[in-house]
C-alpha cells in the first residue's frame, strides 16, 4: 500500500464547510450560514437552498477534480479526519449528480400508486461509490438514503406550504423527526432503528395532522434490492392510517390487531389487522388517539413496549416492526389529569411531540399565508395555475367574511370554501358566531331581560369564535366539552 494522501488546510476548511451545510436541516435558520460559501460561489442568485446546493456543487466538483488529477479519489488513500471529510464530499458529489434522476423516480412512483419501478441508474450510482472505496453494502445503503432524502424534502416542502413562522417550525420539526437535526447522526446510528421513535401530532381538527403524518410516513427509509434493481416497497404504501374515532369499541381491537376465524359472531375468516399489514419500514398512523378507551390504550401500550400483538381469538404473538405516529385534537393534559389517558401510554408515544398550527395563527403571523394556500388549493382543484381564479377566490373571501374570521375548520374549511367560491362566487360559513356582544346583549343585561342560558350561549359562542375549539371553550368556562358544545350549537340555531 502506498503512502496516504493528506488534505491541505484550505481543502480541510472547504470540505468542513461542505459537511456543515449538507448535514444541516434544510428548513432551519442555520441554512443562512450557507452564505459563508460566497467566496467559493461566483454567481449570485436567490437564497433558496436548492440554488445554493447546485451552486455549491460547482466548486466542489472543481476541488475534487484537482485532487484526483489523473487518478480517481479512493477513500483508502486517506485516514482519520481527512477520510471522513472526503467521504462526505464524495457522497454529496455523487448525490447531487443524481438528484434529477431521483426526482423523476419519485414523480413516476407517485403516478404508479402500487407496484415497484426499476431503478435504471442504480448500478451506475452504486458503481461510482464502490469505485471510490465504499463497500458494496454501504453503497447500496447510501442509494436508499439518497432516495429517502429527496422524498423527505419533497413531501415536507410540497405537502405543508406557508411562510409563517409556525409553518417554518413545523417543516423543521418534521425533518428532524425523519432524519434528526444532523443527518450524520441518522447515518451513523439510527437509519435502521427509527421504529423505536414514536411521534405525537397535536392540533385542532382540520389543521393538517394527516398531511404531516403522511409526510413522515412517505419519507421512511426503504431498502434497495440490487438483484431486482428495485426498492422493496412503494412509498405510497408505507403509511397506513386509521381514524380511531370512527370505530365502535367492539371493532377497534379487530381493526388494529386482526382476528382469527370464529373469534366472534361474524368472524367467518381470518382478518389481518393494521399492525400486521404494516411493513417493517412503514408506519401506522393512529388518528384521534385521544378518543380510545383505557382497555385499548393498555393493548396499544403492550405493542409499543414489547413490539408484539395478539389477534382477537388467537394465542399466537405477532411481531410489529414499524413505526407509530399518533394524533389528537383533544387536550392531553386535561385527559391525563382526569385519568382518561394513561401516563405510561403517553410516555410511550411522546418520543417526539409536534404541534400543527391553526390556520388563524398562520394568518395572524403572515398576511400572505391565506393567498399561498388558496394558490395551492386552486392548482390542485383545476390542475393548473390560474391567477384570475385565485384573485376571484380571495376577493370573495375578503368580501363575505369578517376581517378577523377565525376559520374554526382550519385548512379543511378553507379547502371547502375555495370549492364553494369556484361554484358560486360566494362563501357563507355554515356556522356564524354571535358577534353583537356590545349591542343587544348588553342592553338585555342592563334591563334585566337576559336569561342565564342566553348569557352562556353568547359567551361560549364568542369564545369559540376566538379560539376555534370546544376544548378551549370548556377550559375557559369550566364547563365540560359536551355542555360547551351544546350552548354553542344552540346559539347558532337561533
Protein backbone atom coordinates (compact mmCIF):
# COMPACT_ATOMS: atom_id res chain seq x y z
CA UNK A 1 0.00 0.00 0.00
CA UNK A 2 1.36 3.41 -0.98
CA UNK A 3 1.64 6.47 1.23
CA UNK A 4 -1.60 8.11 2.35
CA UNK A 5 -2.79 11.40 0.91
CA UNK A 6 -3.25 14.44 3.13
CA UNK A 7 -5.51 17.42 2.63
CA UNK A 8 -4.01 20.90 2.93
CA UNK A 9 -5.53 23.48 5.27
CA UNK A 10 -7.60 25.17 2.54
CA UNK A 11 -9.07 21.86 1.42
CA UNK A 12 -9.92 20.94 5.00
CA UNK A 13 -11.64 24.29 5.52
CA UNK A 14 -13.65 23.89 2.32
CA UNK A 15 -14.72 20.29 2.92
CA UNK A 16 -15.59 21.08 6.55
CA UNK A 17 -17.95 23.82 5.34
CA UNK A 18 -19.42 21.39 2.81
CA UNK A 19 -20.16 18.88 5.58
CA UNK A 20 -21.68 21.53 7.83
CA UNK A 21 -24.08 22.67 5.11
CA UNK A 22 -25.15 19.36 3.64
CA UNK A 23 -25.96 17.79 7.02
CA UNK A 24 -27.93 20.75 8.38
CA UNK A 25 -31.72 20.64 8.42
CA UNK A 26 -32.68 22.33 5.11
CA UNK A 27 -35.65 24.01 6.83
CA UNK A 28 -33.58 25.56 9.63
CA UNK A 29 -32.26 29.05 10.22
CA UNK A 30 -28.74 27.65 10.16
CA UNK A 31 -29.12 27.42 6.41
CA UNK A 32 -28.38 31.14 6.34
CA UNK A 33 -24.79 30.16 7.10
CA UNK A 34 -24.55 28.79 3.59
CA UNK A 35 -23.74 32.38 2.64
CA UNK A 36 -20.29 31.59 4.02
CA UNK A 37 -19.73 29.95 0.67
CA UNK A 38 -19.82 33.34 -1.05
CA UNK A 39 -16.05 33.21 -1.52
CA UNK A 40 -16.40 29.90 -3.34
CA UNK A 41 -19.53 30.75 -5.37
CA UNK A 42 -19.04 33.41 -8.02
CA UNK A 43 -22.56 33.79 -9.41
CA UNK A 44 -25.37 35.46 -7.50
CA UNK A 45 -28.93 34.30 -7.00
CA UNK A 46 -31.73 33.90 -4.52
CA UNK A 47 -31.31 32.24 -1.13
CA UNK A 48 -33.27 29.07 -1.82
CA UNK A 49 -31.39 26.01 -0.62
CA UNK A 50 -31.74 24.16 -3.93
CA UNK A 51 -29.99 27.00 -5.74
CA UNK A 52 -27.14 27.10 -3.26
CA UNK A 53 -26.69 23.34 -3.26
CA UNK A 54 -26.42 23.40 -7.03
CA UNK A 55 -24.05 26.35 -6.87
CA UNK A 56 -22.00 24.62 -4.17
CA UNK A 57 -21.64 21.59 -6.42
CA UNK A 58 -19.55 23.52 -8.95
CA UNK A 59 -16.64 24.49 -6.66
CA UNK A 60 -16.88 21.06 -5.02
CA UNK A 61 -16.60 19.38 -8.40
CA UNK A 62 -13.60 21.58 -9.28
CA UNK A 63 -11.92 20.78 -5.95
CA UNK A 64 -12.41 17.03 -6.37
CA UNK A 65 -11.11 17.15 -9.96
CA UNK A 66 -7.98 18.96 -8.75
CA UNK A 67 -7.37 16.34 -6.09
CA UNK A 68 -8.00 13.44 -8.45
CA UNK A 69 -5.79 14.57 -11.30
CA UNK A 70 -5.47 11.50 -13.49
CA UNK A 71 -6.44 9.02 -10.76
CA UNK A 72 -9.88 8.64 -9.15
CA UNK A 73 -10.08 9.50 -5.44
CA UNK A 74 -10.30 6.46 -3.19
CA UNK A 75 -11.20 6.62 0.49
CA UNK A 76 -8.46 4.11 1.29
CA UNK A 77 -5.95 6.80 0.31
CA UNK A 78 -6.95 8.89 3.32
CA UNK A 79 -7.11 8.36 7.07
CA UNK A 80 -8.53 9.99 10.18
CA UNK A 81 -10.39 13.27 9.77
CA UNK A 82 -9.30 13.60 6.15
CA UNK A 83 -11.00 10.32 5.31
CA UNK A 84 -14.24 11.46 6.98
CA UNK A 85 -14.17 14.78 5.11
CA UNK A 86 -13.56 13.07 1.78
CA UNK A 87 -16.29 10.52 2.47
CA UNK A 88 -18.85 13.28 3.00
CA UNK A 89 -17.61 15.23 -0.03
CA UNK A 90 -17.85 12.17 -2.30
CA UNK A 91 -21.32 11.30 -1.04
CA UNK A 92 -22.59 14.81 -1.71
CA UNK A 93 -20.81 14.93 -5.09
CA UNK A 94 -22.49 11.72 -6.23
CA UNK A 95 -25.84 12.60 -4.67
CA UNK A 96 -26.18 15.96 -6.41
CA UNK A 97 -25.36 14.45 -9.81
CA UNK A 98 -28.29 12.04 -9.42
CA UNK A 99 -30.85 14.45 -7.91
CA UNK A 100 -32.79 14.84 -11.15
CA UNK A 101 -32.94 11.06 -11.62
CA UNK A 102 -34.15 10.59 -8.05
CA UNK A 103 -36.81 13.28 -8.50
CA UNK A 104 -38.02 11.63 -11.71
CA UNK A 105 -38.28 8.34 -9.83
CA UNK A 106 -40.39 10.00 -7.12
CA UNK A 107 -42.74 11.52 -9.70
CA UNK A 108 -43.05 8.23 -11.58
CA UNK A 109 -43.80 6.36 -8.36
CA UNK A 110 -46.44 8.93 -7.43
CA UNK A 111 -48.16 8.22 -10.74
CA UNK A 112 -47.85 4.47 -10.16
CA UNK A 113 -49.93 4.09 -6.99
CA UNK A 114 -48.97 0.44 -6.48
CA UNK A 115 -46.18 -1.77 -7.75
CA UNK A 116 -42.44 -1.21 -7.93
CA UNK A 117 -40.35 0.61 -10.50
CA UNK A 118 -36.97 -0.48 -11.80
CA UNK A 119 -34.23 2.00 -10.88
CA UNK A 120 -32.35 2.32 -14.15
CA UNK A 121 -29.50 4.42 -12.73
CA UNK A 122 -28.88 2.27 -9.63
CA UNK A 123 -25.97 0.20 -10.96
CA UNK A 124 -24.12 3.27 -12.17
CA UNK A 125 -24.59 5.16 -8.90
CA UNK A 126 -23.56 2.18 -6.78
CA UNK A 127 -20.54 1.64 -9.06
CA UNK A 128 -19.38 5.22 -8.57
CA UNK A 129 -19.40 4.76 -4.80
CA UNK A 130 -17.70 1.35 -4.78
CA UNK A 131 -15.13 2.68 -7.23
CA UNK A 132 -14.18 5.29 -4.64
CA UNK A 133 -13.71 2.89 -1.76
CA UNK A 134 -17.22 2.32 -0.40
CA UNK A 135 -18.20 -1.28 0.32
CA UNK A 136 -20.99 -2.85 -1.75
CA UNK A 137 -23.21 -2.89 1.35
CA UNK A 138 -22.62 0.79 2.12
CA UNK A 139 -23.07 1.86 -1.50
CA UNK A 140 -26.47 0.11 -1.67
CA UNK A 141 -27.48 1.66 1.66
CA UNK A 142 -26.50 5.15 0.52
CA UNK A 143 -28.63 4.77 -2.59
CA UNK A 144 -31.53 4.17 -0.18
CA UNK A 145 -30.60 7.22 1.91
CA UNK A 146 -30.27 9.41 -1.20
CA UNK A 147 -33.76 8.37 -2.28
CA UNK A 148 -35.05 8.98 1.24
CA UNK A 149 -33.53 12.46 1.43
CA UNK A 150 -35.20 13.52 -1.81
CA UNK A 151 -38.55 12.08 -0.70
CA UNK A 152 -38.28 13.79 2.67
CA UNK A 153 -37.55 17.17 1.11
CA UNK A 154 -40.29 16.74 -1.49
CA UNK A 155 -43.11 15.67 0.81
CA UNK A 156 -42.29 18.09 3.64
CA UNK A 157 -41.91 21.10 1.35
CA UNK A 158 -44.82 20.31 -1.01
CA UNK A 159 -47.40 18.97 1.46
CA UNK A 160 -47.02 21.68 4.10
CA UNK A 161 -46.62 25.06 2.45
CA UNK A 162 -46.67 28.51 4.03
CA UNK A 163 -44.07 31.02 5.14
CA UNK A 164 -45.47 31.88 8.56
CA UNK A 165 -43.05 31.23 11.45
CA UNK A 166 -45.21 28.41 12.77
CA UNK A 167 -45.19 26.60 9.41
CA UNK A 168 -41.45 27.00 9.08
CA UNK A 169 -41.13 25.49 12.55
CA UNK A 170 -43.41 22.62 11.55
CA UNK A 171 -41.31 21.73 8.50
CA UNK A 172 -38.15 21.92 10.58
CA UNK A 173 -39.69 19.59 13.19
CA UNK A 174 -40.83 17.07 10.57
CA UNK A 175 -37.36 16.88 9.00
CA UNK A 176 -35.81 16.33 12.44
CA UNK A 177 -38.41 13.63 13.08
CA UNK A 178 -37.28 11.72 9.99
CA UNK A 179 -33.52 12.41 9.88
CA UNK A 180 -32.70 14.01 13.30
CA UNK A 181 -31.24 17.52 13.45
CA UNK A 182 -27.96 16.25 11.92
CA UNK A 183 -28.10 13.64 9.15
CA UNK A 184 -24.71 12.32 10.29
CA UNK A 185 -26.32 11.02 13.48
CA UNK A 186 -29.04 9.38 11.42
CA UNK A 187 -26.50 7.87 9.01
CA UNK A 188 -24.19 6.52 11.70
CA UNK A 189 -26.66 5.29 14.30
CA UNK A 190 -30.39 5.46 13.51
CA UNK A 191 -31.17 4.82 9.85
CA UNK A 192 -32.48 1.30 10.65
CA UNK A 193 -33.77 1.97 14.17
CA UNK A 194 -36.40 4.66 13.73
CA UNK A 195 -39.24 2.29 14.68
CA UNK A 196 -38.30 2.95 18.30
CA UNK A 197 -39.19 6.64 17.93
CA UNK A 198 -42.94 7.21 18.17
CA UNK A 199 -44.49 10.57 17.34
CA UNK A 200 -47.41 12.55 18.70
CA UNK A 201 -49.04 15.19 16.48
CA UNK A 202 -51.16 17.78 18.28
CA UNK A 203 -53.53 20.27 16.70
CA UNK A 204 -57.12 21.24 16.08
CA UNK A 205 -59.34 19.41 13.63
CA UNK A 206 -58.56 20.34 10.04
CA UNK A 207 -55.08 21.77 10.62
CA UNK A 208 -53.27 19.12 8.55
CA UNK A 209 -52.13 16.50 11.05
CA UNK A 210 -52.86 13.82 8.47
CA UNK A 211 -50.67 15.56 5.89
CA UNK A 212 -47.87 15.84 8.44
CA UNK A 213 -48.17 12.14 9.29
CA UNK A 214 -48.11 11.15 5.61
CA UNK A 215 -45.02 13.31 5.03
CA UNK A 216 -43.24 11.38 7.78
CA UNK A 217 -44.55 8.01 6.60
CA UNK A 218 -43.66 8.53 2.94
CA UNK A 219 -40.15 9.65 3.90
CA UNK A 220 -39.13 6.45 5.69
CA UNK A 221 -36.01 4.53 4.67
CA UNK A 222 -36.80 1.82 2.12
CA UNK A 223 -34.08 -0.78 1.38
CA UNK A 224 -32.90 -1.31 -2.20
CA UNK A 225 -32.78 -4.79 -3.74
CA UNK A 226 -29.83 -4.89 -6.18
CA UNK A 227 -30.87 -8.26 -7.64
CA UNK A 228 -34.24 -6.85 -8.72
CA UNK A 229 -32.93 -3.29 -9.19
CA UNK A 230 -35.97 -2.07 -7.27
CA UNK A 231 -36.73 -0.67 -3.84
CA UNK A 232 -38.51 -3.10 -1.54
CA UNK A 233 -41.70 -1.06 -1.25
CA UNK A 234 -43.66 1.67 -2.96
CA UNK A 235 -43.60 4.74 -0.68
CA UNK A 236 -47.30 5.28 -1.48
CA UNK A 237 -47.99 2.18 0.63
CA UNK A 238 -45.63 2.72 3.58
CA UNK A 239 -48.04 4.72 5.79
CA UNK A 240 -51.27 3.04 6.92
CA UNK A 241 -53.82 5.28 8.64
CA UNK A 242 -56.87 4.71 10.84
CA UNK A 243 -59.22 7.23 12.44
CA UNK A 244 -59.96 5.61 15.79
CA UNK A 245 -62.99 7.82 16.50
CA UNK A 246 -64.85 6.27 13.55
CA UNK A 247 -64.94 2.76 15.01
CA UNK A 248 -67.11 1.45 17.84
CA UNK A 249 -65.31 -0.03 20.82
CA UNK A 250 -66.16 -3.57 19.71
CA UNK A 251 -64.42 -3.19 16.34
CA UNK A 252 -61.30 -1.15 17.12
CA UNK A 253 -59.35 -4.11 18.51
CA UNK A 254 -60.13 -6.25 15.47
CA UNK A 255 -59.15 -3.44 13.07
CA UNK A 256 -55.86 -2.86 14.87
CA UNK A 257 -54.76 -6.38 15.75
CA UNK A 258 -56.84 -8.56 13.44
CA UNK A 259 -58.86 -11.61 14.40
CA UNK A 260 -58.91 -15.33 13.77
CA UNK A 261 -61.79 -17.21 12.21
CA UNK A 262 -64.56 -17.86 14.73
CA UNK A 263 -63.24 -15.31 17.24
CA UNK A 264 -66.71 -13.77 17.46
CA UNK A 265 -70.05 -13.86 15.69
CA UNK A 266 -69.49 -12.80 12.11
CA UNK A 267 -65.76 -13.66 12.05
CA UNK A 268 -66.08 -16.10 9.15
CA UNK A 269 -62.42 -15.90 8.15
CA UNK A 270 -59.05 -14.74 9.42
CA UNK A 271 -58.57 -10.97 9.25
CA UNK A 272 -55.24 -9.15 9.16
CA UNK A 273 -55.20 -6.06 11.34
CA UNK A 274 -53.30 -2.86 10.63
CA UNK A 275 -50.33 -3.82 12.78
CA UNK A 276 -49.84 -6.98 10.74
CA UNK A 277 -50.26 -5.18 7.42
CA UNK A 278 -47.70 -2.51 8.33
CA UNK A 279 -44.25 -3.33 6.92
CA UNK A 280 -41.02 -3.17 8.91
CA UNK A 281 -40.04 0.08 7.14
CA UNK A 282 -43.55 1.54 7.23
CA UNK A 283 -45.58 3.37 9.84
CA UNK A 284 -49.04 3.17 11.38
CA UNK A 285 -50.88 6.47 11.83
CA UNK A 286 -53.36 6.36 14.72
CA UNK A 287 -55.55 9.43 14.32
CA UNK A 288 -57.76 10.67 17.19
CA UNK A 289 -55.78 8.66 19.74
CA UNK A 290 -57.37 10.77 22.49
CA UNK A 291 -60.73 9.10 21.86
CA UNK A 292 -59.71 5.50 22.60
CA UNK A 293 -60.71 3.76 25.82
CA UNK A 294 -58.36 2.72 28.60
CA UNK A 295 -58.53 -1.02 27.67
CA UNK A 296 -57.42 -0.23 24.10
CA UNK A 297 -54.69 2.07 25.44
CA UNK A 298 -53.35 -0.82 27.51
CA UNK A 299 -53.26 -3.12 24.47
CA UNK A 300 -51.54 -0.46 22.39
CA UNK A 301 -49.07 0.12 25.22
CA UNK A 302 -48.05 -3.53 25.01
CA UNK A 303 -47.31 -3.19 21.30
CA UNK A 304 -45.16 -0.13 21.92
CA UNK A 305 -43.30 -1.76 24.82
CA UNK A 306 -42.86 -5.31 23.58
CA UNK A 307 -43.30 -4.82 19.82
CA UNK A 308 -45.72 -7.77 19.75
CA UNK A 309 -49.50 -8.15 19.43
CA UNK A 310 -52.07 -10.92 19.51
CA UNK A 311 -55.05 -11.06 17.11
CA UNK A 312 -58.51 -11.38 18.69
CA UNK A 313 -59.30 -15.05 19.31
CA UNK A 314 -55.70 -16.15 18.76
CA UNK A 315 -52.95 -17.29 21.11
CA UNK A 316 -50.05 -16.53 18.76
CA UNK A 317 -47.92 -13.44 19.18
CA UNK A 318 -47.01 -11.50 16.05
CA UNK A 319 -44.10 -9.09 15.77
CA UNK A 320 -44.59 -5.45 14.84
CA UNK A 321 -41.54 -3.73 13.35
CA UNK A 322 -43.00 -0.50 12.02
CA UNK A 323 -43.22 2.98 13.47
CA UNK A 324 -46.21 4.53 15.26
CA UNK A 325 -47.48 8.06 14.68
CA UNK A 326 -50.45 9.23 16.76
CA UNK A 327 -52.53 12.40 16.60
CA UNK A 328 -55.28 14.08 18.57
CA UNK A 329 -57.18 17.35 18.64
CA UNK A 330 -58.05 16.90 22.30
CA UNK A 331 -56.15 18.48 25.26
CA UNK A 332 -53.92 15.66 26.51
CA UNK A 333 -53.05 17.40 29.75
CA UNK A 334 -56.72 17.54 30.68
CA UNK A 335 -57.31 13.93 29.61
CA UNK A 336 -54.37 12.74 31.68
CA UNK A 337 -55.44 14.78 34.69
CA UNK A 338 -58.91 13.24 34.52
CA UNK A 339 -57.44 9.73 34.06
CA UNK A 340 -58.87 9.35 30.55
CA UNK A 341 -55.39 8.99 29.04
CA UNK A 342 -52.79 6.84 30.79
CA UNK A 343 -49.48 8.46 31.65
CA UNK A 344 -47.48 5.36 30.74
CA UNK A 345 -49.20 5.27 27.35
CA UNK A 346 -48.44 8.95 26.79
CA UNK A 347 -44.76 8.49 27.61
CA UNK A 348 -44.53 5.64 25.10
CA UNK A 349 -45.95 7.88 22.39
CA UNK A 350 -44.02 11.08 23.02
CA UNK A 351 -40.54 10.42 21.64
CA UNK A 352 -41.35 13.50 19.62
CA UNK A 353 -44.29 15.91 20.04
CA UNK A 354 -45.10 18.15 17.08
CA UNK A 355 -47.66 20.95 17.13
CA UNK A 356 -49.55 21.57 13.89
CA UNK A 357 -50.60 25.26 13.87
CA UNK A 358 -54.12 26.53 13.31
CA UNK A 359 -54.98 28.47 10.18
CA UNK A 360 -55.89 31.58 12.18
CA UNK A 361 -52.45 31.55 13.85
CA UNK A 362 -50.73 31.20 10.49
CA UNK A 363 -52.70 34.11 9.03
CA UNK A 364 -52.03 36.25 12.11
CA UNK A 365 -48.30 35.60 11.72
CA UNK A 366 -48.19 36.22 7.97
CA UNK A 367 -50.79 38.03 5.87
CA UNK A 368 -49.53 36.21 2.78
CA UNK A 369 -50.40 32.80 4.21
CA UNK A 370 -54.01 32.80 3.01
CA UNK A 371 -53.03 33.69 -0.54
CA UNK A 372 -50.37 30.95 -0.65
CA UNK A 373 -52.86 28.33 0.47
CA UNK A 374 -55.52 29.49 -1.98
CA UNK A 375 -52.97 29.30 -4.81
CA UNK A 376 -52.11 25.72 -3.86
CA UNK A 377 -55.74 24.68 -3.50
CA UNK A 378 -56.74 26.20 -6.84
CA UNK A 379 -53.81 24.45 -8.51
CA UNK A 380 -54.89 21.11 -7.07
CA UNK A 381 -58.54 21.60 -7.98
CA UNK A 382 -58.18 22.83 -11.58
CA UNK A 383 -54.89 21.15 -12.45
CA UNK A 384 -53.03 24.32 -13.41
CA UNK A 385 -52.05 27.71 -12.04
CA UNK A 386 -54.67 30.43 -12.51
CA UNK A 387 -54.07 33.95 -11.22
CA UNK A 388 -57.59 35.02 -12.19
CA UNK A 389 -59.23 32.22 -10.20
CA UNK A 390 -57.01 32.88 -7.17
CA UNK A 391 -57.90 36.59 -7.29
CA UNK A 392 -61.60 35.75 -7.58
CA UNK A 393 -61.48 33.40 -4.57
CA UNK A 394 -59.57 35.90 -2.42
CA UNK A 395 -61.97 38.70 -3.40
CA UNK A 396 -64.97 36.57 -2.37
CA UNK A 397 -63.43 35.55 0.95
CA UNK A 398 -62.47 39.14 1.80
CA UNK A 399 -65.97 40.32 0.89
CA UNK A 400 -68.03 37.61 2.59
CA UNK A 401 -66.06 37.03 5.80
CA UNK A 402 -65.33 39.36 8.72
CA UNK A 403 -61.81 40.70 8.84
CA UNK A 404 -60.90 38.67 11.93
CA UNK A 405 -62.66 35.44 10.88
CA UNK A 406 -61.20 32.63 12.97
CA UNK A 407 -61.50 29.76 10.45
CA UNK A 408 -62.76 27.25 13.05
CA UNK A 409 -62.48 24.43 10.49
CA UNK A 410 -58.89 25.41 9.67
CA UNK A 411 -57.33 24.34 6.34
CA UNK A 412 -60.06 21.77 5.81
CA UNK A 413 -62.68 24.53 5.96
CA UNK A 414 -60.62 26.71 3.62
CA UNK A 415 -60.46 23.89 1.09
CA UNK A 416 -64.25 23.64 1.01
CA UNK A 417 -64.56 27.42 0.97
CA UNK A 418 -62.45 27.57 -2.19
CA UNK A 419 -64.63 24.91 -3.80
CA UNK A 420 -67.78 26.80 -2.85
CA UNK A 421 -66.44 30.06 -4.26
CA UNK A 422 -65.46 28.33 -7.51
CA UNK A 423 -69.04 27.07 -7.77
CA UNK A 424 -71.00 30.13 -6.60
CA UNK A 425 -68.53 33.00 -6.19
CA UNK A 426 -69.66 33.33 -2.57
CA UNK A 427 -68.81 31.79 0.78
CA UNK A 428 -71.08 31.89 3.80
CA UNK A 429 -69.83 29.76 6.71
CA UNK A 430 -72.21 27.06 7.86
CA UNK A 431 -71.72 28.34 11.40
CA UNK A 432 -71.91 32.07 12.08
CA UNK A 433 -70.76 33.04 15.59
CA UNK A 434 -72.62 35.65 17.60
CA UNK A 435 -70.89 38.99 17.16
CA UNK A 436 -73.13 41.59 18.85
CA UNK A 437 -71.59 41.41 22.31
CA UNK A 438 -71.76 45.19 22.71
CA UNK A 439 -75.31 45.64 21.40
CA UNK A 440 -78.47 43.74 22.31
CA UNK A 441 -76.68 41.50 24.82
CA UNK A 442 -75.52 44.47 26.92
CA UNK A 443 -78.93 46.11 26.64
CA UNK A 444 -80.75 42.97 27.81
CA UNK A 445 -78.25 42.59 30.64
CA UNK A 446 -78.77 46.15 31.87
CA UNK A 447 -82.57 45.87 31.65
CA UNK A 448 -82.69 42.55 33.45
CA UNK A 449 -84.07 40.71 30.42
CA UNK A 450 -81.17 38.27 29.96
CA UNK A 451 -81.52 34.63 30.94
CA UNK A 452 -78.52 32.67 32.23
CA UNK A 453 -78.76 30.19 29.35
CA UNK A 454 -78.69 33.07 26.84
CA UNK A 455 -75.60 34.51 28.50
CA UNK A 456 -73.87 31.13 28.36
CA UNK A 457 -74.89 30.73 24.73
CA UNK A 458 -73.39 34.08 23.79
CA UNK A 459 -70.27 33.71 25.94
CA UNK A 460 -69.44 30.20 24.76
CA UNK A 461 -70.03 31.18 21.15
CA UNK A 462 -67.80 34.22 21.48
CA UNK A 463 -65.01 32.09 22.90
CA UNK A 464 -65.49 29.54 20.13
CA UNK A 465 -65.20 32.27 17.54
CA UNK A 466 -61.94 33.44 19.07
CA UNK A 467 -60.26 30.11 19.85
CA UNK A 468 -61.96 27.73 17.45
CA UNK A 469 -62.30 24.56 19.60
CA UNK A 470 -64.85 23.21 22.02
CA UNK A 471 -61.99 22.06 24.26
CA UNK A 472 -60.67 25.60 24.69
CA UNK A 473 -64.18 26.91 25.43
CA UNK A 474 -64.66 24.21 28.03
CA UNK A 475 -61.30 25.01 29.60
CA UNK A 476 -62.01 28.74 29.88
CA UNK A 477 -65.60 28.41 31.13
CA UNK A 478 -65.11 25.47 33.48
CA UNK A 479 -67.80 23.53 31.60
CA UNK A 480 -67.32 20.06 30.22
CA UNK A 481 -66.82 19.79 26.45
CA UNK A 482 -70.29 18.45 25.66
CA UNK A 483 -72.04 21.19 27.61
CA UNK A 484 -69.96 23.90 25.94
CA UNK A 485 -70.73 22.42 22.53
CA UNK A 486 -74.44 22.36 23.37
CA UNK A 487 -74.54 26.07 24.21
CA UNK A 488 -72.63 26.97 21.03
CA UNK A 489 -74.89 24.91 18.80
CA UNK A 490 -78.00 26.31 20.49
CA UNK A 491 -76.88 29.85 19.68
CA UNK A 492 -76.06 29.01 16.05
CA UNK A 493 -79.52 27.54 15.54
CA UNK A 494 -81.37 30.56 16.95
